[in-house]
Protein backbone atom coordinates (compact mmCIF):
# COMPACT_ATOMS: atom_id res chain seq x y z
CA MET A 1 0.74 6.95 16.25
CA SER A 2 -2.66 8.39 16.14
CA VAL A 3 -5.88 6.48 17.73
CA PHE A 4 -6.86 5.94 14.05
CA GLU A 5 -3.34 4.34 13.02
CA ARG A 6 -2.94 2.35 16.38
CA TYR A 7 -6.51 0.96 15.89
CA LEU A 8 -6.56 0.81 11.55
CA THR A 9 -7.44 -3.26 11.81
CA VAL A 10 -10.53 -2.53 13.85
CA TRP A 11 -11.55 0.32 11.78
CA VAL A 12 -11.24 -1.95 8.77
CA ALA A 13 -13.38 -4.48 10.30
CA LEU A 14 -16.05 -2.47 10.97
CA CYS A 15 -16.16 -1.16 7.59
CA ILE A 16 -16.28 -4.36 6.45
CA LEU A 17 -19.47 -5.17 8.64
CA VAL A 18 -20.92 -1.92 7.74
CA GLY A 19 -20.32 -2.17 4.11
CA VAL A 20 -21.68 -5.83 3.94
CA VAL A 21 -24.78 -5.03 5.79
CA LEU A 22 -25.33 -1.55 3.61
CA GLY A 23 -24.46 -3.63 0.19
CA GLN A 24 -27.10 -5.91 0.90
CA TRP A 25 -30.03 -3.14 2.26
CA PHE A 26 -28.99 -0.85 -0.70
CA PRO A 27 -27.44 -2.40 -3.56
CA GLY A 28 -29.26 0.06 -6.01
CA ALA A 29 -27.69 2.56 -4.72
CA PHE A 30 -24.39 0.63 -4.59
CA GLN A 31 -25.21 -0.39 -8.41
CA ALA A 32 -25.47 3.80 -9.23
CA ILE A 33 -22.10 4.67 -7.65
CA ALA A 34 -20.59 2.01 -9.73
CA ARG A 35 -21.80 3.41 -12.73
CA LEU A 36 -20.36 6.86 -12.31
CA GLU A 37 -17.01 6.17 -14.71
CA VAL A 38 -15.09 7.85 -17.29
CA ALA A 39 -12.58 5.95 -18.98
CA GLN A 40 -13.17 2.84 -16.70
CA VAL A 41 -12.29 5.15 -13.80
CA ASN A 42 -15.03 5.21 -11.14
CA LEU A 43 -15.54 9.09 -10.24
CA PRO A 44 -16.50 8.92 -6.49
CA VAL A 45 -13.75 6.54 -5.54
CA GLY A 46 -10.83 8.79 -7.85
CA PHE A 47 -12.12 11.60 -5.77
CA LEU A 48 -11.49 9.90 -2.44
CA ILE A 49 -8.06 8.18 -3.53
CA TRP A 50 -7.26 11.80 -4.07
CA ILE A 51 -7.99 12.94 -0.74
CA MET A 52 -6.64 9.90 0.56
CA ILE A 53 -3.19 10.03 -0.94
CA ILE A 54 -2.50 13.91 -1.33
CA PRO A 55 -1.87 14.93 2.20
CA MET A 56 0.42 11.62 2.64
CA LEU A 57 2.48 12.84 -0.40
CA ALA A 58 2.64 16.35 0.91
CA LYS A 59 4.92 15.27 3.54
CA VAL A 60 7.32 13.92 1.04
CA ASP A 61 10.14 16.52 0.56
CA PHE A 62 11.60 16.04 -2.39
CA SER A 63 14.47 17.97 -2.18
CA VAL A 64 16.33 15.70 0.16
CA LEU A 65 16.85 13.24 -2.82
CA GLY A 66 20.62 15.02 -2.43
CA GLN A 67 20.99 13.49 0.63
CA VAL A 68 20.67 9.99 -0.21
CA ARG A 69 24.51 9.29 -0.82
CA GLN A 70 25.09 9.52 3.12
CA HIS A 71 23.71 5.93 3.57
CA VAL A 72 24.07 4.28 -0.06
CA LYS A 73 23.92 0.66 1.25
CA GLY A 74 20.99 1.41 3.24
CA ILE A 75 19.02 3.04 0.56
CA GLY A 76 20.85 0.48 -2.15
CA ILE A 77 19.51 -2.78 0.01
CA THR A 78 15.98 -0.92 0.41
CA LEU A 79 15.52 -0.74 -3.33
CA PHE A 80 16.65 -4.02 -4.28
CA ILE A 81 13.66 -5.21 -1.92
CA ASN A 82 11.38 -2.50 -2.87
CA TRP A 83 11.74 -3.00 -6.83
CA LEU A 84 13.78 -7.01 -7.07
CA VAL A 85 12.23 -8.76 -4.52
CA LYS A 86 9.11 -7.76 -3.08
CA PRO A 87 7.24 -8.07 -6.25
CA PHE A 88 8.40 -10.95 -7.95
CA SER A 89 8.11 -12.91 -4.45
CA MET A 90 4.52 -11.93 -4.19
CA ALA A 91 3.89 -12.92 -7.93
CA PHE A 92 5.51 -16.50 -6.93
CA LEU A 93 3.52 -16.99 -3.19
CA ALA A 94 0.29 -15.74 -5.04
CA TRP A 95 0.98 -18.49 -8.03
CA VAL A 96 1.83 -21.39 -5.22
CA PHE A 97 -0.96 -20.00 -2.90
CA ILE A 98 -4.01 -19.02 -5.36
CA ARG A 99 -2.91 -20.96 -8.22
CA HIS A 100 -2.19 -24.13 -6.28
CA LEU A 101 -2.35 -24.63 -2.49
CA PHE A 102 -5.72 -22.80 -1.85
CA ALA A 103 -7.62 -22.96 -5.65
CA ASP A 104 -9.92 -25.85 -3.93
CA PHE A 105 -11.36 -22.68 -1.49
CA LEU A 106 -11.37 -20.01 -3.70
CA PRO A 107 -14.01 -19.24 -6.50
CA ALA A 108 -12.74 -20.44 -9.71
CA ASP A 109 -13.52 -17.20 -11.88
CA GLN A 110 -11.61 -14.95 -9.61
CA LEU A 111 -8.05 -16.73 -9.30
CA ASP A 112 -6.44 -14.66 -11.83
CA SER A 113 -8.22 -11.83 -10.35
CA TYR A 114 -6.86 -12.52 -6.62
CA ILE A 115 -3.34 -12.93 -7.79
CA ALA A 116 -3.85 -9.20 -10.13
CA GLY A 117 -4.62 -7.73 -6.57
CA LEU A 118 -1.91 -8.92 -4.86
CA ILE A 119 0.45 -8.23 -7.40
CA LEU A 120 -0.71 -4.58 -7.49
CA LEU A 121 -0.52 -4.80 -3.19
CA ALA A 122 3.30 -5.53 -3.49
CA ALA A 123 4.25 -3.12 -6.41
CA ALA A 124 4.46 0.00 -4.53
CA PRO A 125 6.20 0.53 -1.64
CA CYS A 126 4.06 2.40 1.22
CA THR A 127 4.56 6.23 1.70
CA ALA A 128 2.83 8.06 4.88
CA MET A 129 2.55 4.92 7.31
CA VAL A 130 6.57 3.99 7.29
CA PHE A 131 7.58 7.82 8.72
CA VAL A 132 4.99 6.30 11.77
CA TRP A 133 7.19 2.79 11.68
CA SER A 134 10.39 4.44 11.84
CA ARG A 135 9.86 6.54 14.55
CA LEU A 136 8.52 3.49 16.82
CA THR A 137 12.18 1.99 16.10
CA ASN A 138 13.93 5.43 16.28
CA GLY A 139 14.81 4.98 12.54
CA ASP A 140 17.25 7.86 11.14
CA PRO A 141 14.75 10.75 10.02
CA LEU A 142 16.20 11.71 7.16
CA PHE A 143 17.10 8.18 5.62
CA THR A 144 13.42 7.42 5.98
CA LEU A 145 12.18 10.38 3.96
CA SER A 146 14.76 10.21 1.41
CA GLN A 147 14.16 6.62 0.84
CA VAL A 148 10.53 7.63 0.74
CA ALA A 149 11.17 10.15 -2.00
CA LEU A 150 13.09 8.05 -4.38
CA ASN A 151 10.38 5.26 -4.12
CA ASP A 152 7.77 7.77 -4.98
CA SER A 153 10.31 9.63 -8.11
CA ILE A 154 11.01 5.70 -9.12
CA MET A 155 6.92 4.74 -8.53
CA ILE A 156 6.12 7.21 -11.54
CA PHE A 157 7.92 5.75 -14.12
CA ALA A 158 8.33 1.94 -12.64
CA PHE A 159 4.97 0.99 -11.53
CA ALA A 160 3.11 0.27 -14.70
CA PRO A 161 5.88 -1.67 -16.95
CA LEU A 162 6.58 -3.84 -13.56
CA VAL A 163 2.64 -4.57 -13.04
CA GLY A 164 1.86 -5.31 -16.45
CA LEU A 165 5.23 -7.42 -16.78
CA LEU A 166 4.52 -9.27 -13.71
CA LEU A 167 0.54 -9.66 -15.03
CA GLY A 168 1.77 -10.80 -18.19
CA ILE A 169 4.19 -12.99 -16.67
CA SER A 170 1.43 -14.74 -14.80
CA ALA A 171 -1.18 -14.84 -18.12
CA ILE A 172 -3.29 -12.35 -16.91
CA THR A 173 -4.53 -9.68 -19.58
CA VAL A 174 -2.97 -6.66 -18.96
CA PRO A 175 -5.34 -3.16 -20.31
CA TRP A 176 -2.28 -1.09 -20.95
CA ALA A 177 -4.53 1.98 -21.58
CA THR A 178 -6.27 1.79 -18.10
CA LEU A 179 -3.05 1.15 -16.36
CA THR A 180 -1.09 3.81 -17.70
CA THR A 181 -4.43 6.00 -16.64
CA SER A 182 -4.23 4.80 -13.26
CA VAL A 183 -0.47 5.73 -13.12
CA VAL A 184 -1.25 9.34 -14.29
CA LEU A 185 -4.53 9.83 -12.00
CA TYR A 186 -2.83 8.16 -9.14
CA ILE A 187 0.51 9.09 -8.82
CA VAL A 188 1.88 11.67 -11.26
CA ILE A 189 -1.31 14.32 -10.74
CA PRO A 190 -1.40 13.69 -6.91
CA VAL A 191 2.62 13.83 -6.44
CA ILE A 192 2.25 17.60 -8.59
CA LEU A 193 -0.93 18.86 -6.61
CA ALA A 194 0.79 17.14 -3.17
CA GLN A 195 3.85 19.36 -3.93
CA VAL A 196 2.03 22.52 -4.70
CA LEU A 197 -0.07 22.39 -1.82
CA ARG A 198 3.39 22.03 0.21
CA LYS A 199 5.13 24.95 -1.18
CA ILE A 200 1.97 27.19 -0.42
CA LEU A 201 1.60 25.98 3.12
CA LEU A 202 5.30 26.67 3.93
CA ARG A 203 5.12 30.02 2.59
CA GLN A 204 3.39 31.12 5.31
CA GLY A 205 5.72 29.03 7.75
CA GLN A 206 6.34 25.44 9.06
CA ALA A 207 3.48 26.00 12.11
CA HIS A 208 0.86 26.55 9.91
CA TYR A 209 2.02 23.68 7.30
CA ASP A 210 1.63 21.44 10.40
CA GLN A 211 -1.36 22.84 11.94
CA VAL A 212 -2.95 22.39 8.02
CA MET A 213 -1.79 18.97 7.59
CA HIS A 214 -2.68 17.94 10.83
CA GLY A 215 -6.38 19.18 9.71
CA ILE A 216 -6.40 17.56 6.36
CA GLY A 217 -4.78 14.37 7.90
CA HIS A 218 -8.23 13.57 9.15
CA TRP A 219 -10.09 13.79 5.68
CA SER A 220 -7.79 10.97 4.62
CA ILE A 221 -8.92 8.83 7.21
CA ALA A 222 -12.88 10.04 6.35
CA ALA A 223 -11.84 9.15 2.59
CA LEU A 224 -10.23 5.85 3.12
CA LEU A 225 -13.06 4.64 5.31
CA LEU A 226 -15.67 5.52 2.91
CA THR A 227 -13.72 3.89 0.18
CA LEU A 228 -13.84 1.00 2.19
CA VAL A 229 -17.26 0.44 3.12
CA LEU A 230 -17.98 1.09 -1.08
CA LEU A 231 -15.57 -1.95 -1.62
CA PHE A 232 -17.07 -4.23 1.05
CA GLY A 233 -21.21 -2.95 -0.17
CA PHE A 234 -20.13 -4.54 -3.76
CA GLN A 235 -17.94 -7.72 -2.47
CA GLY A 236 -20.81 -8.07 0.30
CA HIS A 237 -22.43 -11.60 -1.50
CA ALA A 238 -19.15 -12.64 -2.36
CA ILE A 239 -18.07 -12.55 1.35
CA ILE A 240 -21.13 -14.17 3.09
CA GLU A 241 -21.16 -16.95 0.30
CA GLN A 242 -17.08 -17.49 1.37
CA PRO A 243 -16.19 -15.85 4.63
CA MET A 244 -12.88 -17.63 4.29
CA VAL A 245 -11.63 -15.79 1.27
CA ILE A 246 -9.98 -13.29 3.52
CA ALA A 247 -8.24 -15.18 5.40
CA LEU A 248 -6.67 -17.30 2.55
CA LEU A 249 -5.63 -13.90 0.94
CA ALA A 250 -3.93 -12.83 4.06
CA VAL A 251 -1.32 -15.86 4.06
CA PRO A 252 0.69 -14.99 1.13
CA ILE A 253 0.69 -11.06 2.18
CA LEU A 254 1.93 -11.94 5.46
CA ILE A 255 4.73 -14.35 4.93
CA GLN A 256 5.48 -11.70 1.93
CA VAL A 257 5.95 -9.18 4.45
CA PHE A 258 8.31 -11.19 7.23
CA PHE A 259 10.25 -12.53 4.65
CA ASN A 260 11.17 -8.84 2.98
CA SER A 261 11.35 -7.63 6.03
CA GLY A 262 13.55 -10.10 7.58
CA LEU A 263 15.83 -9.98 4.40
CA SER A 264 16.34 -6.51 4.53
CA TYR A 265 17.13 -6.43 8.08
CA TRP A 266 19.77 -9.22 7.31
CA LEU A 267 21.26 -7.71 4.54
CA ASN A 268 21.77 -4.26 6.16
CA ARG A 269 23.56 -6.31 8.92
CA GLN A 270 25.93 -8.12 6.34
CA VAL A 271 26.58 -4.68 5.14
CA GLY A 272 27.33 -2.91 8.00
CA GLU A 273 24.98 -0.55 8.34
CA GLN A 274 23.38 1.33 11.79
CA HIS A 275 20.48 -0.17 13.22
CA ASN A 276 18.54 3.18 13.11
CA ILE A 277 18.95 2.31 9.24
CA ALA A 278 18.03 -1.56 8.89
CA GLY A 279 15.46 -0.83 10.95
CA PRO A 280 13.19 1.84 8.50
CA SER A 281 14.92 -0.25 5.70
CA ALA A 282 13.38 -2.83 6.82
CA LEU A 283 10.10 -1.76 7.08
CA ILE A 284 9.85 0.26 3.86
CA GLY A 285 10.65 -3.05 2.04
CA ALA A 286 7.91 -5.30 3.71
CA SER A 287 4.73 -1.99 3.64
CA ASN A 288 2.74 -1.41 0.77
CA PHE A 289 1.04 1.64 -0.83
CA PHE A 290 -2.13 0.16 -0.50
CA GLU A 291 -4.08 3.26 -1.82
CA LEU A 292 -2.44 3.33 -4.87
CA ALA A 293 -2.95 -0.60 -5.11
CA VAL A 294 -7.07 -0.36 -4.20
CA ALA A 295 -7.44 2.40 -6.52
CA THR A 296 -5.55 0.93 -9.42
CA ALA A 297 -7.59 -2.85 -8.80
CA ILE A 298 -10.72 -0.63 -8.92
CA SER A 299 -9.85 0.90 -11.90
CA LEU A 300 -8.37 -2.43 -13.70
CA PHE A 301 -10.84 -5.10 -12.45
CA GLY A 302 -13.99 -3.22 -10.71
CA PHE A 303 -15.22 -3.11 -7.76
CA HIS A 304 -16.69 -6.57 -7.29
CA SER A 305 -13.35 -8.01 -8.64
CA GLY A 306 -10.99 -10.56 -6.44
CA ALA A 307 -8.12 -8.04 -7.05
CA ALA A 308 -9.93 -5.16 -5.14
CA LEU A 309 -10.83 -7.93 -2.24
CA ALA A 310 -7.52 -8.34 -2.31
CA THR A 311 -5.82 -5.23 -2.14
CA VAL A 312 -8.34 -4.33 0.71
CA VAL A 313 -6.66 -7.51 3.12
CA GLY A 314 -3.65 -5.92 2.54
CA VAL A 315 -5.13 -2.69 4.38
CA LEU A 316 -6.70 -4.94 6.91
CA ILE A 317 -3.50 -6.80 8.17
CA GLU A 318 -0.96 -3.71 7.57
CA VAL A 319 -1.43 -2.57 11.31
CA PRO A 320 -0.57 -5.71 13.15
CA ALA A 321 1.73 -6.79 10.95
CA MET A 322 4.36 -3.88 10.88
CA LEU A 323 3.94 -3.43 14.78
CA ALA A 324 5.02 -7.21 14.96
CA VAL A 325 7.99 -6.08 12.40
CA VAL A 326 8.69 -3.06 14.37
CA TYR A 327 8.69 -5.23 18.12
CA ILE A 328 11.03 -7.86 16.07
CA VAL A 329 13.20 -4.97 14.94
CA ASN A 330 13.56 -2.97 18.59
CA ASN A 331 13.66 -6.68 20.64
CA SER A 332 16.93 -7.64 18.04
CA LYS A 333 19.15 -4.89 18.14
CA ALA A 334 21.35 -6.33 20.78
CA TRP A 335 22.05 -9.29 18.47
CA TYR A 336 22.11 -6.65 15.56
CA LEU A 337 24.83 -4.63 17.33
CA ARG A 338 27.34 -7.55 17.57
CA ARG A 339 28.64 -7.91 14.72
């Protein structure tokens, strides 16, 4: 893992502090940024999200989709977790914790927005960071790449209908035009641009591709941190008034991570998949494409919304939660192989 990836939680925490302070000192500047919108899409954030997402998607080789038949059981289990279990289990957990158990400790006017943010976070499987988690468990790289490519392909068609369905079930109004625009802006166009970039770079050789990808990877990091500063600049007032909100939102996210990763790991063992397939399958089943969730939350509900804050909490706990899953997978290998 790079220094950034290893200490992602630290950087996010620093962004919370910097964003809250700047938001209190320069409220006019943040309001001016918020007004830079076209069709409910904030232009500065849209640009930053593209810088974040495109380098990640350029790592995905869609030509490996033909190899998914080599591990049909593992692929099937991960798809089951990603698209049927995780989104619906998160909607249920959000209903239990946000609507009931924690309702008295959260702003009443933001309950629906918090639930929407948690649903957005769970509705998109992770992409780039999965490669890191898979390496840490000695996972099969071809399986990981095939699964990520397949999930990205499905996401183009399934993300909007799935989010719309779950928000509707949760009695939250769905602005379909904005949701569809978000899919086009933050999935379809970046996938196309990323694959064009990938082909151009690979024509000049693998070494050139690796060198350029390493360089623009720093752009992604800078864009992510700047986006977080903007978000917390708008969320500063709410955080100062109720600092426990972040901890309360983290509870259903953490439960979701360990439930889905555990279920995926166990199901792979039950069907007889290899450990180097079960590990990345569990990790892909538990992690989230938080960049997409953050961008869509801002488009649908705005900078000040509970939805935007809920998606950022997912970023905050991503690394420690996933490293815990990596630890469990690695240290349970002997148990896994006894079958």
